[in-house]
């Protein structure tokens, strides 16, 4: 597993769970899910760091 596969893993698994091909439409759907996942993770980290 490469570093890119590791970074894109959450979006790939969500797409597979929804029945969407992860590489369809140039991976934009997978990218959107990755953005949501990492946004939530980094917001939680920032919240903990500030509190």
C-alpha atoms as a PDB file:
ATOM      1  CA  UNK A   1       0.000   0.000   0.000  1.00  0.00           C
ATOM      2  CA  UNK A   2       1.462   3.330  -1.047  1.00  0.00           C
ATOM      3  CA  UNK A   3       1.163   6.616   0.841  1.00  0.00           C
ATOM      4  CA  UNK A   4      -1.380   7.872  -1.709  1.00  0.00           C
ATOM      5  CA  UNK A   5      -3.537   4.769  -1.179  1.00  0.00           C
ATOM      6  CA  UNK A   6      -3.365   5.318   2.566  1.00  0.00           C
ATOM      7  CA  UNK A   7      -4.430   8.965   2.279  1.00  0.00           C
ATOM      8  CA  UNK A   8      -7.270   8.152  -0.132  1.00  0.00           C
ATOM      9  CA  UNK A   9      -8.457   5.107   1.832  1.00  0.00           C
ATOM     10  CA  UNK A  10     -11.416   6.750   3.660  1.00  0.00           C
ATOM     11  CA  UNK A  11     -12.967   8.079   0.457  1.00  0.00           C
ATOM     12  CA  UNK A  12     -12.389   4.809  -1.351  1.00  0.00           C
ATOM     13  CA  UNK A  13     -14.128   2.795   1.368  1.00  0.00           C
ATOM     14  CA  UNK A  14     -17.083   5.217   1.537  1.00  0.00           C
ATOM     15  CA  UNK A  15     -17.488   5.046  -2.256  1.00  0.00           C
ATOM     16  CA  UNK A  16     -17.364   1.248  -2.182  1.00  0.00           C
ATOM     17  CA  UNK A  17     -19.944   1.199   0.640  1.00  0.00           C
ATOM     18  CA  UNK A  18     -22.265   3.442  -1.416  1.00  0.00           C
ATOM     19  CA  UNK A  19     -21.722   1.352  -4.553  1.00  0.00           C
ATOM     20  CA  UNK A  20     -19.928   4.117  -6.466  1.00  0.00           C
ATOM     21  CA  UNK A  21     -16.814   3.384  -8.498  1.00  0.00           C
ATOM     22  CA  UNK A  22     -14.018   5.280  -6.629  1.00  0.00           C
ATOM     23  CA  UNK A  23     -12.232   6.229  -9.852  1.00  0.00           C
ATOM     24  CA  UNK A  24     -15.338   7.407 -11.705  1.00  0.00           C
ATOM     25  CA  UNK A  25     -15.465  11.068 -12.799  1.00  0.00           C
ATOM     26  CA  UNK A  26     -11.732  11.429 -12.095  1.00  0.00           C
ATOM     27  CA  UNK A  27     -12.206  10.558  -8.430  1.00  0.00           C
ATOM     28  CA  UNK A  28     -14.052  13.780  -7.555  1.00  0.00           C
ATOM     29  CA  UNK A  29     -16.601  11.984  -5.375  1.00  0.00           C
ATOM     30  CA  UNK A  30     -13.821  10.165  -3.526  1.00  0.00           C
ATOM     31  CA  UNK A  31     -12.020  13.480  -3.087  1.00  0.00           C
ATOM     32  CA  UNK A  32     -15.153  15.074  -1.624  1.00  0.00           C
ATOM     33  CA  UNK A  33     -15.522  12.281   0.939  1.00  0.00           C
ATOM     34  CA  UNK A  34     -11.829  12.525   1.835  1.00  0.00           C
ATOM     35  CA  UNK A  35     -12.246  16.262   2.355  1.00  0.00           C
ATOM     36  CA  UNK A  36     -15.166  15.687   4.733  1.00  0.00           C
ATOM     37  CA  UNK A  37     -13.338  12.986   6.692  1.00  0.00           C
ATOM     38  CA  UNK A  38     -10.110  14.967   7.109  1.00  0.00           C
ATOM     39  CA  UNK A  39     -12.005  18.194   7.875  1.00  0.00           C
ATOM     40  CA  UNK A  40     -13.773  16.509  10.772  1.00  0.00           C
ATOM     41  CA  UNK A  41     -10.538  14.936  12.039  1.00  0.00           C
ATOM     42  CA  UNK A  42      -8.583  18.213  11.913  1.00  0.00           C
ATOM     43  CA  UNK A  43     -11.427  20.209  13.479  1.00  0.00           C
ATOM     44  CA  UNK A  44     -11.495  17.779  16.400  1.00  0.00           C
ATOM     45  CA  UNK A  45      -7.712  18.079  16.766  1.00  0.00           C
ATOM     46  CA  UNK A  46      -7.920  21.884  16.643  1.00  0.00           C
ATOM     47  CA  UNK A  47     -10.769  21.897  19.172  1.00  0.00           C
ATOM     48  CA  UNK A  48      -8.719  19.753  21.580  1.00  0.00           C
ATOM     49  CA  UNK A  49      -5.590  21.884  21.071  1.00  0.00           C
ATOM     50  CA  UNK A  50      -7.421  25.130  21.837  1.00  0.00           C
ATOM     51  CA  UNK A  51      -9.389  23.819  24.807  1.00  0.00           C
END
